Structures are given as C-alpha cells and as structure tokens.
C-alpha cells in the first residue's frame, strides 16, 4: 500500500476469528485442489454421458464421491429425484400417444405418456421411452401401469428434469 510515495505495510491482524477463518479457507482450497487434480475431464464426460446431468453437477458429484463413479451416479440420481419431487405438482398437459400392434393383429397397446412441455414430447428420448413402454406392455400383456413402467418414466424424468407421467395404458 502506498501513501504519498511511502510504502506502508499492512499490520498483521490480531483478531483470532479472522486468522482462524483464513486458516480454514487455506485448508479448504488445498483439499479442493487435491481432488480437482485427480478428477479429469474425461471422467466428468463419462459420467455426464451415462447420467445426462450437467457438467458441473457431474464434477461436483465426483468430488463429493472421491472419484467413485457408482457413488457419484447415486448422488446424481438422489439429487434428480429430489428435484423431481419439487416438480410433481406441475400439470402434465402435453405428451404423445403410442400405439403398437402384434404382427398377427391379435392385440394392440395404447400408451399415453404426458409431459409438462411440448419440447419434451418431441425429445427423441421421450419418444423412445414411449415405444419401449408400449413394447413392454404388449409383450407382458399389461393393461394398466405397473411399478416397472413407472420406474422407466421416473428414470427419464430425472434425466430431463421435467415432470412426466404415464397417464393411460390400454391393451
């Protein structure tokens, strides 16, 4: 610090709380640097492709899990389910209807899959999920939604982060 050309030194702080806070910050930064060096961009990319979560979310999950992919994936899933619970009250007025018939024409399945927005209803993952649900229901002869089918919807909803629902299923 300069004052009229004179170099002044800042006196050391005598406040114990201030010194303790600075020590904690230095420790936290040293720990963060240690883990940041161990987690590569390739690891973050791999987790991101597997879960569909954002880059920073994947990076933070890997840091929290000490680089363990399974634990990081579990953390991201829990975080996604918590976010999904917040959205559960929102209306799902958009969506698509999927119809699949057996090759011989002896049976058909009608599936109504709903979402909050039409953008999600046009998403390739959403469309693939509707086809997969219809195919599963046709193969197993299901005429109403089951835990397995609702679980498939929940998995995609945590990835896309939007409220979705399996409204109707008819055989």
Protein backbone atom coordinates (compact mmCIF):
# COMPACT_ATOMS: atom_id res chain seq x y z
CA UNK A 1 0.00 0.00 0.00
CA UNK A 2 1.38 3.41 -0.94
CA UNK A 3 0.65 6.73 0.68
CA UNK A 4 2.29 9.75 -0.95
CA UNK A 5 5.13 7.65 -2.27
CA UNK A 6 5.78 5.86 1.02
CA UNK A 7 5.40 2.11 1.13
CA UNK A 8 3.25 1.09 4.06
CA UNK A 9 2.87 -2.46 5.28
CA UNK A 10 -0.45 -3.75 6.50
CA UNK A 11 -0.05 -4.85 10.12
CA UNK A 12 -0.94 -8.49 10.84
CA UNK A 13 -4.46 -8.93 12.14
CA UNK A 14 -4.72 -9.63 15.82
CA UNK A 15 -8.29 -10.89 15.57
CA UNK A 16 -8.30 -14.63 16.33
CA UNK A 17 -11.56 -15.24 14.46
CA UNK A 18 -10.14 -13.66 11.31
CA UNK A 19 -6.95 -15.73 11.49
CA UNK A 20 -8.97 -18.92 12.07
CA UNK A 21 -11.21 -18.16 9.07
CA UNK A 22 -8.17 -17.60 6.84
CA UNK A 23 -6.66 -20.90 8.02
CA UNK A 24 -9.92 -22.74 7.21
CA UNK A 25 -10.07 -21.20 3.73
CA UNK A 26 -6.47 -22.17 3.02
CA UNK A 27 -7.18 -25.74 4.14
CA UNK A 28 -10.39 -25.95 2.10
CA UNK A 29 -8.61 -24.66 -1.01
CA UNK A 30 -5.75 -27.14 -0.58
CA UNK A 31 -8.25 -30.03 -0.27
CA UNK A 32 -10.20 -28.79 -3.30
CA UNK A 33 -7.02 -28.54 -5.39
CA UNK A 34 -6.06 -32.09 -4.38
CA UNK A 35 -9.36 -33.54 -5.64
CA UNK A 36 -9.55 -31.30 -8.69
CA UNK A 37 -6.24 -32.70 -9.89
CA UNK A 38 -7.47 -36.30 -9.54
CA UNK A 39 -10.73 -35.83 -11.49
CA UNK A 40 -10.12 -35.46 -15.20
CA UNK A 41 -12.38 -34.01 -17.86
CA UNK A 42 -12.70 -37.49 -19.36
CA UNK A 43 -14.14 -38.77 -16.06
CA UNK A 44 -16.68 -35.93 -16.00
CA UNK A 45 -17.59 -36.59 -19.64
CA UNK A 46 -18.05 -40.31 -18.97
CA UNK A 47 -20.40 -39.64 -16.03
CA UNK A 48 -22.25 -36.96 -17.98
CA UNK A 49 -22.91 -39.34 -20.89
CA UNK A 50 -24.12 -42.04 -18.52
CA UNK A 51 -26.45 -39.86 -16.44
CA UNK A 52 -27.35 -36.93 -18.69
CA UNK A 53 -26.61 -34.46 -15.88
CA UNK A 54 -24.80 -31.16 -16.36
CA UNK A 55 -21.02 -30.87 -16.41
CA UNK A 56 -20.65 -29.02 -13.13
CA UNK A 57 -23.13 -31.34 -11.41
CA UNK A 58 -21.10 -34.35 -12.56
CA UNK A 59 -17.86 -32.72 -11.47
CA UNK A 60 -19.23 -31.86 -8.03
CA UNK A 61 -20.67 -35.36 -7.63
CA UNK A 62 -17.30 -36.90 -8.48
CA UNK A 63 -15.56 -34.59 -6.00
CA UNK A 64 -18.09 -35.49 -3.30
CA UNK A 65 -17.72 -39.20 -4.09
CA UNK A 66 -13.91 -39.02 -4.08
CA UNK A 67 -13.80 -40.14 -7.72
CA UNK A 68 -16.05 -43.21 -7.27
CA UNK A 69 -18.36 -43.46 -10.32
CA UNK A 70 -21.02 -45.63 -8.67
CA UNK A 71 -21.28 -43.32 -5.67
CA UNK A 72 -21.33 -40.22 -7.90
CA UNK A 73 -24.08 -41.73 -10.04
CA UNK A 74 -26.10 -42.50 -6.91
CA UNK A 75 -25.65 -38.91 -5.67
CA UNK A 76 -26.83 -37.52 -9.01
CA UNK A 77 -29.85 -39.84 -9.02
CA UNK A 78 -30.82 -38.76 -5.48
CA UNK A 79 -30.43 -35.12 -6.45
CA UNK A 80 -32.56 -35.69 -9.56
CA UNK A 81 -35.29 -37.43 -7.57
CA UNK A 82 -35.34 -34.55 -5.09
CA UNK A 83 -35.72 -32.09 -7.96
CA UNK A 84 -38.45 -34.28 -9.44
CA UNK A 85 -40.39 -34.18 -6.15
CA UNK A 86 -40.44 -30.37 -6.36
CA UNK A 87 -41.93 -30.57 -9.86
CA UNK A 88 -44.52 -33.25 -9.09
CA UNK A 89 -47.31 -30.72 -8.60
CA UNK A 90 -46.94 -29.22 -12.07
CA UNK A 91 -49.50 -30.03 -14.74
CA UNK A 92 -48.58 -32.52 -17.45
CA UNK A 93 -50.86 -31.45 -20.30
CA UNK A 94 -48.53 -32.16 -23.22
CA UNK A 95 -47.32 -35.51 -24.49
CA UNK A 96 -47.81 -38.23 -27.07
CA UNK A 97 -49.88 -41.34 -27.67
CA UNK A 98 -48.11 -44.52 -28.78
CA UNK A 99 -49.79 -47.49 -30.44
CA UNK A 100 -48.17 -50.87 -31.16
CA UNK A 101 -49.86 -53.97 -32.54
CA UNK A 102 -48.75 -57.58 -32.69
CA UNK A 103 -47.62 -58.83 -36.10
CA UNK A 104 -50.67 -61.05 -36.47
CA UNK A 105 -53.02 -58.23 -35.38
CA UNK A 106 -54.38 -60.17 -32.41
CA UNK A 107 -53.58 -57.48 -29.84
CA UNK A 108 -52.67 -53.81 -29.62
CA UNK A 109 -51.44 -51.47 -26.89
CA UNK A 110 -52.28 -47.79 -26.48
CA UNK A 111 -49.96 -45.74 -24.23
CA UNK A 112 -50.45 -42.08 -23.27
CA UNK A 113 -47.23 -40.54 -21.97
CA UNK A 114 -47.51 -36.95 -20.72
CA UNK A 115 -45.04 -34.15 -20.02
CA UNK A 116 -45.08 -30.51 -18.97
CA UNK A 117 -43.99 -29.05 -22.30
CA UNK A 118 -44.27 -29.93 -25.97
CA UNK A 119 -40.47 -29.59 -26.29
CA UNK A 120 -40.00 -32.66 -24.13
CA UNK A 121 -42.74 -34.51 -26.02
CA UNK A 122 -40.65 -34.06 -29.18
CA UNK A 123 -37.43 -35.22 -27.48
CA UNK A 124 -36.02 -38.43 -29.06
CA UNK A 125 -35.51 -39.96 -25.60
CA UNK A 126 -39.16 -39.31 -24.74
CA UNK A 127 -40.33 -40.88 -27.99
CA UNK A 128 -38.04 -43.88 -27.49
CA UNK A 129 -39.40 -44.31 -23.95
CA UNK A 130 -42.99 -44.31 -25.23
CA UNK A 131 -42.15 -47.01 -27.76
CA UNK A 132 -40.29 -49.06 -25.13
CA UNK A 133 -43.20 -48.84 -22.69
CA UNK A 134 -45.67 -49.87 -25.40
CA UNK A 135 -43.47 -52.79 -26.47
CA UNK A 136 -43.02 -53.97 -22.87
CA UNK A 137 -46.75 -53.74 -22.17
CA UNK A 138 -47.56 -55.70 -25.36
CA UNK A 139 -45.02 -58.45 -24.59
CA UNK A 140 -46.16 -58.86 -20.98
CA UNK A 141 -49.87 -58.35 -21.65
CA UNK A 142 -50.17 -55.38 -19.27
CA UNK A 143 -53.39 -53.38 -19.26
CA UNK A 144 -52.52 -50.84 -16.56
CA UNK A 145 -49.34 -49.01 -15.42
CA UNK A 146 -47.01 -51.03 -13.18
CA UNK A 147 -44.05 -50.13 -10.96
CA UNK A 148 -41.66 -51.25 -13.70
CA UNK A 149 -43.22 -48.93 -16.28
CA UNK A 150 -43.48 -46.02 -13.84
CA UNK A 151 -39.82 -46.59 -12.93
CA UNK A 152 -38.87 -46.22 -16.60
CA UNK A 153 -40.74 -42.89 -16.71
CA UNK A 154 -39.08 -41.72 -13.47
CA UNK A 155 -35.61 -42.55 -14.81
CA UNK A 156 -36.15 -40.34 -17.87
CA UNK A 157 -37.81 -37.60 -15.81
CA UNK A 158 -34.74 -37.35 -13.55
CA UNK A 159 -32.52 -37.11 -16.61
CA UNK A 160 -34.62 -34.48 -18.42
CA UNK A 161 -35.68 -32.76 -15.18
CA UNK A 162 -39.30 -32.32 -16.06
CA UNK A 163 -42.48 -33.76 -14.62
CA UNK A 164 -43.75 -36.70 -16.68
CA UNK A 165 -46.41 -39.29 -16.24
CA UNK A 166 -47.83 -42.46 -17.70
CA UNK A 167 -51.46 -41.39 -17.90
CA UNK A 168 -53.11 -44.32 -19.68
CA UNK A 169 -52.26 -47.79 -20.80
CA UNK A 170 -54.80 -49.99 -22.61
CA UNK A 171 -54.37 -53.45 -24.09
